[in-house]
N, C-alpha and C. Protein backbone atom coordinates (compact mmCIF):
# COMPACT_ATOMS: atom_id res chain seq x y z
N MET A 1 0.83 -1.17 -0.02
CA MET A 1 0.02 0.00 0.02
C MET A 1 0.92 1.20 0.05
N SER A 2 0.38 2.26 -0.64
CA SER A 2 1.14 3.55 -0.68
C SER A 2 0.54 4.51 0.28
N TYR A 3 1.27 5.60 0.44
CA TYR A 3 0.83 6.63 1.36
C TYR A 3 -0.54 7.16 0.91
N GLU A 4 -0.81 7.24 -0.35
CA GLU A 4 -2.07 7.79 -0.81
C GLU A 4 -3.25 6.91 -0.39
N ASP A 5 -3.02 5.71 -0.12
CA ASP A 5 -4.12 4.79 0.33
C ASP A 5 -4.55 5.10 1.74
N TYR A 6 -3.75 5.77 2.51
CA TYR A 6 -4.05 6.10 3.88
C TYR A 6 -4.56 7.51 4.13
N VAL A 7 -4.41 8.37 3.11
CA VAL A 7 -4.92 9.72 3.25
C VAL A 7 -6.42 9.75 3.27
N LYS A 8 -7.00 10.48 4.29
CA LYS A 8 -8.43 10.58 4.41
C LYS A 8 -8.95 11.49 3.37
N GLU A 9 -10.12 11.25 2.84
CA GLU A 9 -10.71 12.08 1.83
C GLU A 9 -11.85 12.86 2.43
N ASN A 10 -12.06 12.73 3.75
CA ASN A 10 -13.12 13.48 4.44
C ASN A 10 -12.78 14.98 4.49
N LYS A 11 -13.78 15.82 4.32
CA LYS A 11 -13.55 17.20 4.47
C LYS A 11 -13.33 17.55 5.90
N ILE A 12 -12.31 18.35 6.22
CA ILE A 12 -12.06 18.75 7.61
C ILE A 12 -13.03 19.87 7.91
N GLU A 13 -13.74 19.74 8.98
CA GLU A 13 -14.64 20.82 9.42
C GLU A 13 -14.01 21.54 10.59
N ASP A 14 -14.19 22.89 10.55
CA ASP A 14 -13.66 23.68 11.66
C ASP A 14 -14.55 23.37 12.93
N LYS A 15 -13.85 23.31 14.02
CA LYS A 15 -14.60 23.08 15.28
C LYS A 15 -14.80 24.46 15.94
N SER A 16 -15.86 24.44 16.65
CA SER A 16 -16.25 25.68 17.32
C SER A 16 -15.22 25.87 18.58
N GLU A 17 -15.19 27.09 19.02
CA GLU A 17 -14.25 27.35 20.19
C GLU A 17 -14.70 26.50 21.37
N GLU A 18 -15.93 26.33 21.59
CA GLU A 18 -16.44 25.51 22.70
C GLU A 18 -16.01 24.02 22.53
N GLU A 19 -16.06 23.50 21.30
CA GLU A 19 -15.58 22.12 21.08
C GLU A 19 -14.03 22.03 21.30
N LYS A 20 -13.31 23.02 20.93
CA LYS A 20 -11.84 23.04 21.13
C LYS A 20 -11.54 23.05 22.66
N ASN A 21 -12.35 23.91 23.40
CA ASN A 21 -12.15 24.02 24.79
C ASN A 21 -12.50 22.72 25.47
N LEU A 22 -13.50 22.06 25.06
CA LEU A 22 -13.90 20.78 25.63
C LEU A 22 -12.90 19.73 25.38
N GLU A 23 -12.31 19.68 24.22
CA GLU A 23 -11.18 18.71 23.88
C GLU A 23 -9.99 19.04 24.79
N LEU A 24 -9.71 20.28 25.08
CA LEU A 24 -8.63 20.64 25.87
C LEU A 24 -8.79 20.14 27.25
N ILE A 25 -10.04 20.33 27.77
CA ILE A 25 -10.41 19.89 29.17
C ILE A 25 -10.33 18.37 29.24
N VAL A 26 -10.85 17.62 28.21
CA VAL A 26 -10.75 16.22 28.22
C VAL A 26 -9.29 15.75 28.20
N SER A 27 -8.45 16.45 27.40
CA SER A 27 -7.04 16.09 27.39
C SER A 27 -6.39 16.29 28.64
N ILE A 28 -6.73 17.29 29.40
CA ILE A 28 -6.14 17.59 30.72
C ILE A 28 -6.54 16.51 31.67
N ILE A 29 -7.84 16.15 31.67
CA ILE A 29 -8.36 15.03 32.55
C ILE A 29 -7.61 13.73 32.25
N LYS A 30 -7.50 13.38 30.99
CA LYS A 30 -6.90 12.12 30.59
C LYS A 30 -5.41 12.11 31.02
N THR A 31 -4.75 13.25 30.77
CA THR A 31 -3.28 13.27 31.12
C THR A 31 -3.11 13.21 32.60
N LYS A 32 -3.93 13.88 33.37
CA LYS A 32 -3.88 13.81 34.86
C LYS A 32 -4.06 12.38 35.31
N SER A 33 -5.08 11.63 34.67
CA SER A 33 -5.24 10.28 35.03
C SER A 33 -4.07 9.37 34.72
N GLU A 34 -3.48 9.65 33.54
CA GLU A 34 -2.30 8.87 33.13
C GLU A 34 -1.11 9.15 34.11
N LEU A 35 -1.00 10.39 34.52
CA LEU A 35 0.11 10.72 35.44
C LEU A 35 -0.13 10.03 36.79
N ASP A 36 -1.41 10.13 37.29
CA ASP A 36 -1.66 9.41 38.56
C ASP A 36 -1.38 7.93 38.52
N SER A 37 -1.79 7.30 37.37
CA SER A 37 -1.52 5.89 37.17
C SER A 37 0.01 5.59 37.17
N ALA A 38 0.77 6.41 36.44
CA ALA A 38 2.19 6.15 36.39
C ALA A 38 2.85 6.36 37.73
N GLN A 39 2.36 7.27 38.51
CA GLN A 39 2.89 7.47 39.90
C GLN A 39 2.64 6.30 40.77
N LYS A 40 1.40 5.75 40.67
CA LYS A 40 1.07 4.58 41.43
C LYS A 40 1.83 3.40 41.03
N ASN A 41 2.00 3.16 39.73
CA ASN A 41 2.73 2.05 39.23
C ASN A 41 4.24 2.14 39.63
N PHE A 42 4.73 3.36 39.65
CA PHE A 42 6.16 3.58 40.05
C PHE A 42 6.42 3.11 41.45
N GLU A 43 5.49 3.35 42.34
CA GLU A 43 5.59 2.96 43.75
C GLU A 43 5.89 1.46 43.91
N PHE A 44 5.34 0.66 43.02
CA PHE A 44 5.36 -0.82 43.11
C PHE A 44 6.13 -1.45 42.02
N ALA A 45 6.90 -0.59 41.20
CA ALA A 45 7.69 -1.06 40.14
C ALA A 45 8.86 -1.98 40.49
N GLU A 46 9.05 -2.97 39.75
CA GLU A 46 10.24 -3.79 39.92
C GLU A 46 11.41 -3.12 39.23
N GLU A 47 12.56 -3.64 39.57
CA GLU A 47 13.79 -3.00 39.03
C GLU A 47 13.87 -2.70 37.58
N GLY A 48 13.34 -3.56 36.76
CA GLY A 48 13.33 -3.26 35.30
C GLY A 48 12.35 -2.26 34.80
N LEU A 49 11.37 -1.85 35.62
CA LEU A 49 10.36 -0.95 35.14
C LEU A 49 10.48 0.44 35.78
N ILE A 50 11.44 0.65 36.65
CA ILE A 50 11.59 1.93 37.37
C ILE A 50 11.85 3.03 36.40
N ASP A 51 12.83 2.84 35.46
CA ASP A 51 13.12 3.88 34.47
C ASP A 51 11.92 4.12 33.64
N TYR A 52 11.18 3.10 33.24
CA TYR A 52 9.95 3.26 32.36
C TYR A 52 8.92 4.16 33.00
N TYR A 53 8.61 3.92 34.32
CA TYR A 53 7.64 4.72 34.94
C TYR A 53 8.16 6.12 35.31
N SER A 54 9.45 6.27 35.48
CA SER A 54 10.04 7.57 35.65
C SER A 54 9.86 8.41 34.44
N TYR A 55 10.06 7.75 33.31
CA TYR A 55 9.84 8.49 32.00
C TYR A 55 8.38 8.86 31.77
N GLN A 56 7.47 7.98 32.13
CA GLN A 56 6.04 8.16 31.99
C GLN A 56 5.61 9.37 32.86
N ILE A 57 6.17 9.35 34.07
CA ILE A 57 5.74 10.43 34.97
C ILE A 57 6.26 11.80 34.45
N LYS A 58 7.49 11.84 33.99
CA LYS A 58 8.05 13.10 33.42
C LYS A 58 7.34 13.51 32.20
N ALA A 59 7.10 12.65 31.32
CA ALA A 59 6.38 12.95 30.07
C ALA A 59 4.96 13.46 30.38
N ASN A 60 4.25 12.78 31.22
CA ASN A 60 2.85 13.22 31.54
C ASN A 60 2.84 14.49 32.29
N GLN A 61 3.80 14.73 33.15
CA GLN A 61 3.87 16.03 33.88
C GLN A 61 4.14 17.20 32.94
N THR A 62 5.01 16.95 32.00
CA THR A 62 5.38 18.05 31.06
C THR A 62 4.12 18.33 30.12
N LYS A 63 3.44 17.29 29.69
CA LYS A 63 2.26 17.42 28.93
C LYS A 63 1.17 18.16 29.69
N LEU A 64 1.00 17.77 30.93
CA LEU A 64 -0.03 18.40 31.77
C LEU A 64 0.31 19.83 31.94
N ASP A 65 1.57 20.23 32.25
CA ASP A 65 1.93 21.62 32.38
C ASP A 65 1.66 22.42 31.18
N TYR A 66 1.90 21.87 30.01
CA TYR A 66 1.67 22.50 28.77
C TYR A 66 0.09 22.75 28.57
N LEU A 67 -0.66 21.68 28.79
CA LEU A 67 -2.11 21.88 28.61
C LEU A 67 -2.69 22.85 29.61
N MET A 68 -2.24 22.82 30.83
CA MET A 68 -2.76 23.81 31.80
C MET A 68 -2.39 25.22 31.42
N LYS A 69 -1.19 25.48 30.91
CA LYS A 69 -0.87 26.78 30.54
C LYS A 69 -1.76 27.26 29.32
N LYS A 70 -2.03 26.31 28.43
CA LYS A 70 -2.85 26.58 27.24
C LYS A 70 -4.28 26.87 27.76
N ALA A 71 -4.77 26.19 28.73
CA ALA A 71 -6.11 26.43 29.31
C ALA A 71 -6.17 27.81 29.96
N GLN A 72 -5.14 28.15 30.68
CA GLN A 72 -5.09 29.46 31.30
C GLN A 72 -5.08 30.57 30.28
N LYS A 73 -4.38 30.47 29.15
CA LYS A 73 -4.32 31.49 28.14
C LYS A 73 -5.65 31.66 27.53
N LYS A 74 -6.45 30.56 27.47
CA LYS A 74 -7.78 30.62 26.88
C LYS A 74 -8.84 31.10 27.85
N GLY A 75 -8.40 31.25 29.09
CA GLY A 75 -9.34 31.82 30.13
C GLY A 75 -10.24 30.72 30.72
N ILE A 76 -9.82 29.41 30.52
CA ILE A 76 -10.61 28.37 31.07
C ILE A 76 -10.23 28.26 32.56
N VAL A 77 -11.26 28.38 33.40
CA VAL A 77 -11.01 28.33 34.87
C VAL A 77 -10.67 26.95 35.32
N LEU A 78 -9.58 26.86 36.01
CA LEU A 78 -9.12 25.58 36.43
C LEU A 78 -9.99 24.87 37.37
N ASP A 79 -10.80 25.61 38.11
CA ASP A 79 -11.80 24.99 38.97
C ASP A 79 -12.81 24.24 38.20
N MET A 80 -13.11 24.67 37.00
CA MET A 80 -14.05 23.98 36.10
C MET A 80 -13.48 22.59 35.77
N ILE A 81 -12.19 22.57 35.46
CA ILE A 81 -11.45 21.34 35.08
C ILE A 81 -11.57 20.43 36.30
N ASN A 82 -11.25 20.84 37.44
CA ASN A 82 -11.34 19.94 38.61
C ASN A 82 -12.72 19.49 38.89
N GLU A 83 -13.73 20.29 38.70
CA GLU A 83 -15.12 19.89 38.84
C GLU A 83 -15.52 18.78 37.85
N ILE A 84 -15.12 18.96 36.57
CA ILE A 84 -15.40 17.99 35.61
C ILE A 84 -14.66 16.63 35.89
N TYR A 85 -13.40 16.78 36.32
CA TYR A 85 -12.62 15.57 36.72
C TYR A 85 -13.32 14.83 37.89
N ILE A 86 -13.82 15.52 38.87
CA ILE A 86 -14.50 14.90 39.97
C ILE A 86 -15.79 14.25 39.55
N ARG A 87 -16.50 14.94 38.72
CA ARG A 87 -17.75 14.31 38.19
C ARG A 87 -17.47 13.05 37.40
N LYS A 88 -16.49 13.11 36.54
CA LYS A 88 -16.17 11.98 35.73
C LYS A 88 -15.73 10.73 36.58
N ASN A 89 -14.98 11.01 37.65
CA ASN A 89 -14.55 9.91 38.47
C ASN A 89 -15.63 9.36 39.40
N LYS A 90 -16.66 10.16 39.65
CA LYS A 90 -17.76 9.71 40.48
C LYS A 90 -18.74 8.80 39.67
N ALA A 91 -18.79 9.07 38.34
CA ALA A 91 -19.73 8.38 37.51
C ALA A 91 -19.33 6.92 37.25
C-alpha cells in the first residue's frame, strides 16, 4: 500500500471554540489520570520498570503543564476542570 491509500478524503470541518475548549479539558483530565496511574505504578515497580515509569511520570507532567498553560491562556477556569474531573470519576 502507498501513502495515498491512507490519506483521508473526508472534508475537515472547523470546530467551534467550545468544542476546542472541551477537547482541551478532556485532554487535561486524561493526562492527569495517566500521570496518577504512572505514579502509582512507580511505587510498586520492579527493578526493570523503574526507568519506564520515571519516564512516563516526566512525560505526563510535562504534557499536563503545557495543557494547563494553554487552558489558562484561553481563560478556562481551572476549577471547572477539577469539577469535571471529579464528576467523571464519580460516574
